Protein backbone atom coordinates (compact mmCIF):
# COMPACT_ATOMS: atom_id res chain seq x y z
CA MET A 1 -32.27 -7.14 -12.55
CA LYS A 2 -32.02 -5.36 -9.19
CA LYS A 3 -31.01 -1.70 -9.33
CA ILE A 4 -28.10 -0.93 -6.99
CA THR A 5 -28.12 2.44 -5.25
CA GLY A 6 -25.86 3.79 -2.54
CA PHE A 7 -23.31 2.06 -0.36
CA PRO A 8 -24.24 -1.47 0.73
CA GLU A 9 -25.03 -2.40 4.31
CA GLY A 10 -21.86 -3.52 6.07
CA PHE A 11 -19.60 -1.36 3.88
CA LEU A 12 -16.17 -1.20 5.51
CA TRP A 13 -15.45 2.48 6.18
CA GLY A 14 -12.13 3.05 7.93
CA GLY A 15 -8.58 4.26 7.53
CA ALA A 16 -5.14 2.90 6.67
CA THR A 17 -1.57 3.10 7.98
CA ALA A 18 1.68 1.10 7.83
CA ALA A 19 3.81 -0.02 10.77
CA ASN A 20 7.05 1.52 9.54
CA GLN A 21 5.47 4.95 9.06
CA LEU A 22 3.87 5.42 12.46
CA GLU A 23 4.95 2.91 15.11
CA GLY A 24 8.45 4.17 15.91
CA ALA A 25 10.12 2.08 18.67
CA TYR A 26 12.32 0.71 15.92
CA ARG A 27 14.61 -1.31 18.25
CA GLU A 28 12.19 -1.91 21.13
CA ASP A 29 11.16 -5.29 22.52
CA GLY A 30 13.42 -7.31 20.26
CA LYS A 31 12.49 -5.72 16.94
CA GLY A 32 15.11 -6.06 14.20
CA LEU A 33 15.94 -3.48 11.57
CA SER A 34 13.79 -3.31 8.44
CA VAL A 35 14.60 -1.80 5.05
CA ALA A 36 12.43 1.19 6.05
CA ASP A 37 14.76 1.86 9.00
CA ALA A 38 17.63 2.38 6.54
CA MET A 39 15.73 4.86 4.36
CA PRO A 40 16.74 8.48 5.01
CA GLY A 41 14.16 11.24 5.31
CA GLY A 42 13.80 14.23 3.00
CA LYS A 43 12.59 15.08 -0.47
CA GLU A 44 15.58 13.28 -2.02
CA ARG A 45 14.72 9.96 -0.35
CA LEU A 46 13.83 8.08 -3.54
CA ALA A 47 16.83 9.54 -5.40
CA VAL A 48 19.14 8.37 -2.60
CA LEU A 49 17.60 4.90 -2.59
CA SER A 50 17.96 4.66 -6.38
CA SER A 51 21.60 5.80 -6.45
CA GLU A 52 24.57 3.56 -7.24
CA ALA A 53 26.12 4.44 -3.86
CA PHE A 54 23.25 3.36 -1.63
CA ASP A 55 24.13 0.18 0.29
CA TRP A 56 21.61 0.01 3.19
CA SER A 57 24.05 1.66 5.61
CA ILE A 58 22.48 3.84 8.29
CA ASP A 59 24.49 7.08 8.52
CA GLU A 60 22.96 9.28 11.23
CA GLU A 61 25.65 11.93 10.79
CA LYS A 62 24.57 12.48 7.19
CA TYR A 63 20.82 11.77 7.28
CA VAL A 64 17.78 11.84 9.52
CA TYR A 65 15.65 8.72 9.83
CA PRO A 66 12.10 9.73 10.76
CA ASN A 67 10.77 6.16 10.55
CA HIS A 68 12.81 5.31 13.67
CA ARG A 69 10.47 7.44 15.74
CA GLY A 70 7.34 7.51 13.59
CA ILE A 71 4.56 9.16 15.57
CA ASP A 72 5.12 6.95 18.65
CA HIS A 73 2.09 4.80 17.79
CA TYR A 74 3.79 1.81 19.43
CA TYR A 75 3.16 3.44 22.79
CA ARG A 76 0.05 5.45 21.86
CA PHE A 77 -1.96 2.95 19.82
CA LYS A 78 -4.79 2.83 22.39
CA GLU A 79 -5.21 6.60 22.19
CA ASP A 80 -5.14 6.48 18.39
CA ILE A 81 -7.58 3.58 18.03
CA LYS A 82 -9.95 5.32 20.45
CA LEU A 83 -9.94 8.32 18.09
CA PHE A 84 -10.61 6.02 15.12
CA ALA A 85 -13.53 4.54 17.07
CA GLU A 86 -14.85 8.04 17.76
CA MET A 87 -14.95 8.60 14.00
CA GLY A 88 -16.96 5.40 13.73
CA PHE A 89 -14.42 3.26 11.87
CA LYS A 90 -15.83 -0.09 10.79
CA CYS A 91 -12.33 -1.33 9.95
CA TYR A 92 -8.71 -0.29 10.39
CA ARG A 93 -6.05 -1.33 7.92
CA PHE A 94 -2.56 -1.62 9.41
CA SER A 95 0.50 -3.75 8.80
CA ILE A 96 2.55 -6.11 10.90
CA ALA A 97 6.26 -5.28 10.95
CA TRP A 98 7.91 -8.54 9.86
CA ALA A 99 11.06 -7.60 11.82
CA ARG A 100 9.04 -7.40 15.05
CA ILE A 101 8.07 -11.05 14.59
CA PHE A 102 11.30 -12.38 13.04
CA PRO A 103 13.96 -9.71 13.77
CA GLN A 104 16.44 -10.99 11.16
CA GLY A 105 13.80 -12.61 8.97
CA ASP A 106 15.43 -16.03 8.83
CA GLU A 107 15.02 -17.25 12.43
CA LEU A 108 13.15 -20.45 13.16
CA GLU A 109 11.26 -19.10 16.19
CA PRO A 110 9.29 -15.84 16.40
CA ASN A 111 9.72 -12.98 18.85
CA GLU A 112 6.85 -13.33 21.31
CA ALA A 113 7.00 -9.65 22.33
CA GLY A 114 6.19 -8.67 18.74
CA LEU A 115 3.26 -11.06 18.54
CA ALA A 116 1.96 -9.80 21.90
CA PHE A 117 2.05 -6.20 20.67
CA TYR A 118 -0.09 -6.96 17.61
CA GLU A 119 -2.43 -9.11 19.68
CA ALA A 120 -2.99 -6.08 21.93
CA MET A 121 -3.60 -3.87 18.88
CA ILE A 122 -6.07 -6.33 17.40
CA ASP A 123 -7.89 -6.66 20.73
CA GLU A 124 -8.09 -2.88 21.03
CA CYS A 125 -9.71 -2.68 17.60
CA LEU A 126 -12.19 -5.44 18.44
CA LYS A 127 -13.08 -3.68 21.70
CA TYR A 128 -14.63 -0.95 19.54
CA ASP A 129 -16.06 -3.37 16.93
CA ILE A 130 -13.42 -2.29 14.42
CA GLU A 131 -12.46 -5.05 11.96
CA PRO A 132 -8.67 -5.31 11.62
CA VAL A 133 -7.46 -5.44 8.00
CA ILE A 134 -3.85 -6.59 8.08
CA THR A 135 -1.14 -6.19 5.46
CA ILE A 136 1.41 -8.94 6.03
CA SER A 137 4.28 -7.14 4.23
CA HIS A 138 4.14 -3.35 3.75
CA TYR A 139 7.48 -1.97 2.56
CA GLU A 140 9.32 -3.31 5.62
CA LEU A 141 11.33 -6.38 4.65
CA PRO A 142 13.75 -7.32 7.48
CA LEU A 143 16.99 -5.53 6.58
CA HIS A 144 19.03 -8.71 7.02
CA LEU A 145 17.10 -10.36 4.18
CA ALA A 146 17.98 -7.47 1.87
CA VAL A 147 21.65 -7.34 2.88
CA ALA A 148 22.54 -11.02 3.33
CA TYR A 149 20.19 -12.57 0.75
CA GLY A 150 19.84 -9.78 -1.82
CA GLY A 151 16.11 -9.27 -1.27
CA TRP A 152 13.23 -10.99 -3.03
CA LYS A 153 15.25 -12.10 -6.06
CA ASN A 154 16.49 -14.87 -3.73
CA ARG A 155 14.09 -17.81 -3.66
CA GLN A 156 14.99 -18.57 -0.04
CA LEU A 157 12.76 -15.67 0.97
CA ILE A 158 9.70 -17.74 0.03
CA GLU A 159 10.51 -20.10 2.91
CA PHE A 160 11.09 -17.21 5.34
CA PHE A 161 7.85 -15.48 4.31
CA GLU A 162 5.93 -18.74 4.57
CA ARG A 163 7.16 -19.18 8.15
CA TYR A 164 6.25 -15.58 8.98
CA ALA A 165 2.81 -15.79 7.34
CA THR A 166 2.12 -19.13 9.06
CA THR A 167 3.03 -17.56 12.41
CA VAL A 168 0.78 -14.49 12.16
CA LEU A 169 -2.12 -16.22 10.43
CA THR A 170 -2.14 -19.07 12.96
CA ARG A 171 -1.91 -16.66 15.87
CA PHE A 172 -4.59 -14.23 14.73
CA TYR A 173 -6.95 -15.96 12.27
CA LYS A 174 -9.76 -16.31 14.81
CA LYS A 175 -9.73 -12.53 15.35
CA VAL A 176 -8.80 -11.18 11.91
CA LYS A 177 -10.82 -11.98 8.80
CA TYR A 178 -9.24 -9.61 6.24
CA TRP A 179 -5.62 -9.88 5.12
CA MET A 180 -3.40 -8.69 2.25
CA THR A 181 -0.09 -10.23 1.29
CA PHE A 182 2.21 -7.59 -0.29
CA ASN A 183 1.55 -3.86 -0.30
CA GLU A 184 1.59 -2.22 -3.74
CA ILE A 185 3.41 -5.22 -5.21
CA ASN A 186 3.53 -3.62 -8.67
CA SER A 187 5.41 -0.57 -7.34
CA ALA A 188 8.60 -2.55 -7.95
CA PHE A 189 8.26 -1.82 -11.66
CA HIS A 190 9.50 1.69 -10.89
CA MET A 191 10.97 1.39 -7.38
CA PRO A 192 12.00 -2.19 -6.44
CA VAL A 193 13.75 -1.02 -3.26
CA LEU A 194 10.48 -0.64 -1.35
CA SER A 195 8.67 -3.92 -1.90
CA GLN A 196 11.45 -6.20 -3.16
CA GLY A 197 14.44 -4.97 -1.14
CA LEU A 198 16.48 -4.56 -4.33
CA ILE A 199 18.98 -1.71 -4.78
CA LYS A 200 21.41 -0.92 -7.60
CA LYS A 201 24.22 -2.78 -5.82
CA THR A 202 22.09 -5.95 -5.68
CA GLY A 203 20.74 -5.79 -9.22
CA ALA A 204 17.75 -3.43 -9.11
CA GLY A 205 18.68 -2.13 -12.57
CA ASP A 206 18.26 -5.55 -14.19
CA LYS A 207 14.64 -6.41 -14.99
CA GLN A 208 15.57 -10.11 -14.85
CA ASN A 209 15.99 -9.71 -11.09
CA LEU A 210 12.75 -7.74 -10.78
CA PHE A 211 10.67 -10.43 -12.50
CA GLN A 212 12.42 -13.16 -10.53
CA ALA A 213 11.57 -11.30 -7.32
CA TRP A 214 7.97 -10.96 -8.45
CA HIS A 215 7.72 -14.66 -9.22
CA ASN A 216 9.02 -15.46 -5.74
CA GLN A 217 6.48 -13.07 -4.22
CA PHE A 218 3.65 -14.55 -6.29
CA VAL A 219 4.52 -18.01 -4.95
CA ALA A 220 4.83 -16.67 -1.40
CA SER A 221 1.46 -14.93 -1.70
CA SER A 222 -0.24 -18.12 -2.91
CA LYS A 223 1.31 -20.00 0.01
CA ALA A 224 -0.22 -17.43 2.38
CA VAL A 225 -3.62 -17.92 0.75
CA LYS A 226 -3.23 -21.70 1.13
CA ILE A 227 -2.25 -21.39 4.81
CA GLY A 228 -5.10 -19.00 5.55
CA HIS A 229 -7.78 -21.05 3.81
CA GLU A 230 -6.63 -24.23 5.53
CA LEU A 231 -7.04 -22.47 8.88
CA ASP A 232 -10.45 -21.05 7.92
CA PRO A 233 -11.97 -21.16 4.42
CA ASP A 234 -13.83 -17.91 5.19
CA LEU A 235 -10.66 -15.85 5.65
CA GLN A 236 -10.39 -13.16 2.97
CA ILE A 237 -6.84 -12.82 1.69
CA GLY A 238 -6.23 -10.22 -0.99
CA CYS A 239 -3.49 -8.80 -3.13
CA MET A 240 -2.68 -5.09 -3.09
CA ILE A 241 -1.57 -2.91 -6.00
CA ILE A 242 -1.14 0.69 -6.99
CA TYR A 243 -3.75 1.52 -9.60
CA ALA A 244 -3.18 4.57 -11.76
CA THR A 245 -5.93 5.09 -14.32
CA THR A 246 -4.02 5.70 -17.55
CA TYR A 247 -5.12 7.80 -20.50
CA SER A 248 -3.61 8.38 -23.90
CA LEU A 249 -3.01 12.11 -24.28
CA ASP A 250 -4.70 12.00 -27.69
CA ALA A 251 -6.41 9.66 -30.17
CA ASN A 252 -3.24 8.81 -32.09
CA PRO A 253 -3.22 4.99 -32.35
CA ILE A 254 0.50 4.96 -31.52
CA ASN A 255 -0.21 6.63 -28.18
CA GLN A 256 -3.25 4.43 -27.64
CA MET A 257 -1.05 1.36 -28.04
CA ALA A 258 1.57 2.80 -25.68
CA THR A 259 -1.20 3.35 -23.14
CA LEU A 260 -2.44 -0.22 -23.50
CA GLU A 261 1.10 -1.51 -22.96
CA GLN A 262 1.61 0.65 -19.87
CA ASN A 263 -1.66 -0.64 -18.44
CA GLN A 264 -0.58 -4.22 -19.01
CA GLU A 265 2.86 -3.68 -17.51
CA PHE A 266 1.92 -1.60 -14.47
CA ASN A 267 -1.77 -1.89 -13.64
CA PHE A 268 -2.48 -5.48 -14.68
CA PHE A 269 0.55 -7.78 -14.76
CA CYS A 270 0.84 -8.54 -11.04
CA THR A 271 -2.93 -8.62 -10.59
CA ASP A 272 -3.40 -10.97 -13.55
CA VAL A 273 -1.05 -13.49 -11.93
CA GLN A 274 -2.44 -13.16 -8.40
CA VAL A 275 -6.13 -13.06 -9.35
CA ARG A 276 -6.28 -15.33 -12.40
CA GLY A 277 -3.58 -17.64 -11.12
CA GLU A 278 -1.42 -17.65 -14.23
CA TYR A 279 0.94 -15.49 -16.21
CA PRO A 280 -0.92 -13.44 -18.83
CA ALA A 281 -0.58 -13.99 -22.58
CA TYR A 282 1.33 -10.71 -23.01
CA THR A 283 4.13 -11.85 -20.66
CA SER A 284 6.39 -12.78 -23.59
CA ARG A 285 6.01 -9.27 -25.04
CA ILE A 286 7.07 -7.71 -21.73
CA PHE A 287 10.00 -10.10 -21.34
CA LYS A 288 11.22 -9.31 -24.85
CA LYS A 289 10.85 -5.55 -24.27
CA TYR A 290 12.85 -5.59 -21.02
CA GLY A 291 15.41 -8.26 -21.87
CA VAL A 292 14.11 -10.91 -19.49
CA ASP A 293 15.17 -14.48 -20.32
CA ALA A 294 12.25 -16.75 -19.44
CA ASP A 295 14.48 -19.83 -19.68
CA THR A 296 16.72 -18.66 -16.85
CA LEU A 297 13.94 -17.54 -14.49
CA GLU A 298 13.95 -19.86 -11.51
CA ILE A 299 10.49 -21.43 -11.54
CA ALA A 300 10.37 -24.58 -9.45
CA GLU A 301 8.23 -27.62 -10.06
CA GLY A 302 4.78 -27.03 -8.60
CA ASP A 303 5.02 -23.21 -8.62
CA LEU A 304 2.59 -22.65 -11.47
CA GLU A 305 0.12 -25.18 -10.06
CA LEU A 306 0.25 -23.37 -6.70
CA LEU A 307 -0.49 -20.01 -8.34
CA LYS A 308 -3.47 -21.54 -10.14
CA LYS A 309 -4.87 -23.29 -7.09
CA TYR A 310 -4.53 -20.42 -4.62
CA PRO A 311 -5.42 -17.05 -6.18
CA VAL A 312 -6.41 -14.15 -3.95
CA ASP A 313 -9.97 -13.58 -2.73
CA TYR A 314 -10.16 -9.85 -3.43
CA ILE A 315 -8.19 -6.95 -4.88
CA GLY A 316 -7.00 -4.22 -2.55
CA PHE A 317 -5.60 -1.16 -4.27
CA SER A 318 -4.36 2.36 -3.71
CA TYR A 319 -5.68 5.17 -5.87
CA TYR A 320 -4.35 8.70 -5.62
CA MET A 321 -4.05 9.99 -9.15
CA SER A 322 -4.29 9.17 -12.84
CA THR A 323 -1.59 9.48 -15.45
CA ALA A 324 -1.41 10.30 -19.16
CA VAL A 325 0.80 8.82 -21.90
CA THR A 326 2.28 10.13 -25.12
CA ILE A 327 5.30 8.92 -27.06
CA THR A 328 4.78 11.02 -30.18
CA GLU A 329 5.50 14.45 -28.73
CA GLN A 330 7.35 16.24 -25.97
CA SER A 331 5.05 17.11 -23.08
CA GLU A 332 5.43 18.43 -19.55
CA GLU A 333 6.12 15.60 -17.10
CA VAL A 334 4.45 15.41 -13.70
CA GLY A 335 4.95 13.40 -10.51
CA GLY A 336 2.84 10.68 -9.00
CA ASN A 337 2.72 7.71 -6.65
CA LEU A 338 6.06 6.15 -7.67
CA LEU A 339 5.23 6.69 -11.33
CA GLY A 340 4.88 9.86 -13.32
CA GLY A 341 3.49 10.63 -16.73
CA VAL A 342 2.70 13.74 -18.71
CA ARG A 343 0.51 16.61 -17.62
CA ASN A 344 -3.18 16.14 -18.32
CA PRO A 345 -4.54 19.59 -19.25
CA PHE A 346 -7.97 18.70 -17.85
CA LEU A 347 -6.76 18.05 -14.29
CA GLU A 348 -5.39 20.00 -11.35
CA ALA A 349 -2.53 18.70 -9.23
CA SER A 350 -1.73 18.48 -5.51
CA GLU A 351 1.14 20.36 -3.87
CA TRP A 352 3.31 17.34 -4.68
CA GLY A 353 2.31 17.36 -8.36
CA TRP A 354 -0.05 14.35 -8.22
CA GLN A 355 -2.93 14.87 -10.67
CA ILE A 356 -6.30 14.85 -8.91
CA ASP A 357 -8.90 12.79 -10.79
CA PRO A 358 -12.00 11.52 -8.94
CA GLU A 359 -13.62 10.34 -12.18
CA GLY A 360 -10.47 8.27 -12.71
CA LEU A 361 -11.34 6.31 -9.57
CA ARG A 362 -14.72 5.34 -11.03
CA ILE A 363 -12.91 4.29 -14.21
CA ALA A 364 -10.40 2.28 -12.14
CA LEU A 365 -13.18 0.47 -10.29
CA ASP A 366 -15.05 -0.32 -13.51
CA GLU A 367 -11.88 -1.47 -15.29
CA LEU A 368 -10.78 -3.75 -12.46
CA TYR A 369 -14.21 -5.26 -11.88
CA ASP A 370 -14.86 -5.78 -15.58
CA ARG A 371 -11.53 -7.59 -15.87
CA TYR A 372 -11.64 -9.79 -12.78
CA GLN A 373 -15.16 -9.99 -11.25
CA LYS A 374 -13.57 -10.15 -7.80
CA PRO A 375 -14.52 -7.92 -4.86
CA LEU A 376 -12.54 -4.67 -4.73
CA PHE A 377 -11.30 -2.78 -1.68
CA ILE A 378 -9.92 0.78 -1.89
CA VAL A 379 -7.31 0.54 0.85
CA GLU A 380 -5.51 3.83 0.15
CA ASN A 381 -6.74 7.17 -1.16
CA GLY A 382 -6.25 10.71 0.03
CA LEU A 383 -4.68 14.11 -0.37
CA GLY A 384 -1.17 14.77 0.87
CA ALA A 385 -1.05 18.47 1.76
CA ILE A 386 0.70 21.02 3.96
CA ASP A 387 -1.70 21.68 6.83
CA LYS A 388 -1.65 25.02 8.64
CA VAL A 389 -2.69 24.95 12.31
CA ASP A 390 -4.20 27.85 14.24
CA GLU A 391 -3.31 28.76 17.84
CA ASN A 392 -5.45 25.83 19.07
CA PHE A 393 -3.83 23.31 16.70
CA TYR A 394 -7.00 23.21 14.62
CA VAL A 395 -6.74 22.56 10.89
CA ALA A 396 -9.57 23.74 8.64
CA ASP A 397 -8.77 21.24 5.89
CA ASP A 398 -11.66 21.94 3.51
CA TYR A 399 -9.36 21.01 0.59
CA ARG A 400 -9.04 17.47 1.98
CA ILE A 401 -12.79 17.20 2.58
CA ASP A 402 -13.40 18.32 -1.01
CA TYR A 403 -10.95 15.74 -2.38
CA LEU A 404 -12.45 12.89 -0.36
CA ARG A 405 -16.04 13.93 -1.09
CA GLN A 406 -15.44 13.81 -4.84
CA HIS A 407 -13.79 10.39 -4.61
CA ILE A 408 -16.58 8.97 -2.44
CA GLN A 409 -19.12 10.25 -4.99
CA ALA A 410 -17.14 8.45 -7.71
CA MET A 411 -17.20 5.26 -5.62
CA GLU A 412 -20.97 5.44 -5.29
CA LYS A 413 -21.34 5.79 -9.06
CA ALA A 414 -19.10 2.75 -9.56
CA ILE A 415 -21.27 0.74 -7.15
CA GLU A 416 -24.28 1.77 -9.23
CA ASP A 417 -22.33 0.57 -12.28
CA GLY A 418 -22.40 -2.86 -10.63
CA VAL A 419 -18.95 -2.92 -9.01
CA ASP A 420 -18.65 -5.09 -5.87
CA LEU A 421 -16.81 -2.68 -3.54
CA MET A 422 -16.04 -3.96 -0.04
CA GLY A 423 -14.78 -0.85 1.68
CA TYR A 424 -12.76 2.34 1.77
CA THR A 425 -9.78 3.12 4.02
CA PRO A 426 -8.29 6.55 3.27
CA TRP A 427 -4.54 6.62 3.65
CA GLY A 428 -2.80 8.07 6.70
CA CYS A 429 -5.99 8.53 8.72
CA ILE A 430 -3.65 9.96 11.34
CA ASP A 431 -0.66 12.03 10.17
CA LEU A 432 2.40 9.83 9.70
CA VAL A 433 5.81 9.75 8.00
CA SER A 434 5.52 9.88 4.21
CA ALA A 435 6.83 6.78 2.42
CA SER A 436 8.10 8.66 -0.62
CA THR A 437 9.79 11.59 1.16
CA GLY A 438 10.15 10.65 4.81
CA GLU A 439 8.47 13.94 5.70
CA MET A 440 5.82 14.76 8.28
CA SER A 441 4.82 17.90 6.36
CA LYS A 442 3.07 15.82 3.70
CA ARG A 443 -0.04 15.14 5.75
CA TYR A 444 -3.07 13.00 4.93
CA GLY A 445 -4.77 12.55 8.26
CA PHE A 446 -8.06 13.38 9.90
CA ILE A 447 -5.92 13.74 13.03
CA TYR A 448 -3.07 16.26 13.24
CA VAL A 449 0.12 15.11 14.96
CA ASP A 450 2.30 17.87 16.40
CA LEU A 451 5.58 16.81 14.83
CA ASP A 452 7.61 18.53 12.13
CA ASP A 453 10.17 17.35 9.56
CA ASN A 454 13.01 18.00 12.04
CA GLY A 455 11.45 15.77 14.67
CA GLU A 456 10.33 18.70 16.80
CA GLY A 457 6.94 18.74 18.52
CA THR A 458 4.90 17.22 21.32
CA MET A 459 3.39 14.45 19.16
CA ASN A 460 0.04 15.34 20.68
CA ARG A 461 -3.02 14.50 18.59
CA TYR A 462 -5.63 17.07 17.45
CA LYS A 463 -8.82 16.58 15.43
CA LYS A 464 -8.93 18.37 12.09
CA LYS A 465 -12.14 19.67 10.53
CA SER A 466 -12.17 16.53 8.35
CA PHE A 467 -12.42 14.37 11.50
CA ASN A 468 -16.05 15.27 12.18
CA TRP A 469 -16.84 15.39 8.47
CA TYR A 470 -15.67 11.78 7.97
CA LYS A 471 -17.53 10.77 11.14
CA GLN A 472 -20.82 11.94 9.59
CA VAL A 473 -19.97 10.21 6.30
CA ILE A 474 -19.60 6.91 8.16
CA GLU A 475 -22.66 7.48 10.34
CA SER A 476 -24.78 8.05 7.23
CA ASN A 477 -23.12 5.20 5.26
CA GLY A 478 -21.97 7.69 2.66
CA LYS A 479 -25.21 9.62 2.31
CA ASN A 480 -24.18 12.82 4.12
CA LEU A 481 -21.18 14.30 2.33
CA ASP A 482 -21.86 17.97 3.16
């Protein structure tokens, strides 16, 4: 048996963004409104979206909407991609804004200006030998589909997504090999507003709606795989989940069982369906726990056969933090990427309370690969932090370098464990608007953008210390982490 050491040749080093968090130009060139355009900025963003009063109205007298402007990437993408190329990116993960292609979501014909914009972006990447990695739907459902149709609980959205996926895959398949269907699809378990377009007024509090929405997305995802593989069998179309390595706080079997259940519900359920092509055996337990009536779920003839025939080719996932579980005692709760947990006394946390756990990434990679034996792709990872600039707009972000170094070392160990890891695209490779808070001050990038939470600043780009550090990591294929 061959011993595996180091990162493989052709490893996809790069970075990741999402259209709604950096493009801006939210009504330009025929673009329609997306759900992200109706999400107010500020630390209370998720609380507002989860409230009984929220109804998708845009109230600019009451709130600011930083996604409307983003970081002006729509007009500065050539400048930004040139910087990515200078770092040596092998790939760049970005998303297509559905509402740029179908402004309302339910039109029969696409908006050519939107397609032309993404064609130009793709061509700019290819000019520098950067492989585009495209997320088809990244938290930016056309607002009309959320308001008029009630979001993904409505089966009609399968047809609209199929038309959208057919349009972008057919247009770009000769230039783009790597695709993902739905960003962090399992996030809906805690926050269905982002990926399913469900709010309290349209039934977000009823798990029946959540699982119906998931079923519709599973079918839509399989249809995208079918479309892509019929265009070119070599296209790689993946799913994308949040993965939060989950520990029991102690050895009490009750807490161990609670941890197993949380893993099934959050880390594995969506992936089991999309990778294995069928609902897992524990589905009935989850339905019973959350009051879901399987008999009234709308599952059409042929749906289950489609899921089985067209599973995804790889698993893309975000990893920022781990979480711990106890149900036998009171313990301090902490934040996280749309899910919390209790404080793990062995870990430190970021400024936003997310527990930092590089070893947890190795565990995540081993757990996922042991379970599925499908290629894995870490498409989000990074440290959200408040960056302080000097008089030259330079950021000495050693804390970010340290975080990334430790996670890259964990990735290398997982590869030596036998994991088939395709690539690594740290999140927010250029500073952008935070999804969870709508803030600019929560920065992830290798590139500083001069823009604050109030929308003030030149939006000029400046290289942080981590820019040249990551450049040498890529140049050495992960060998030089100093």
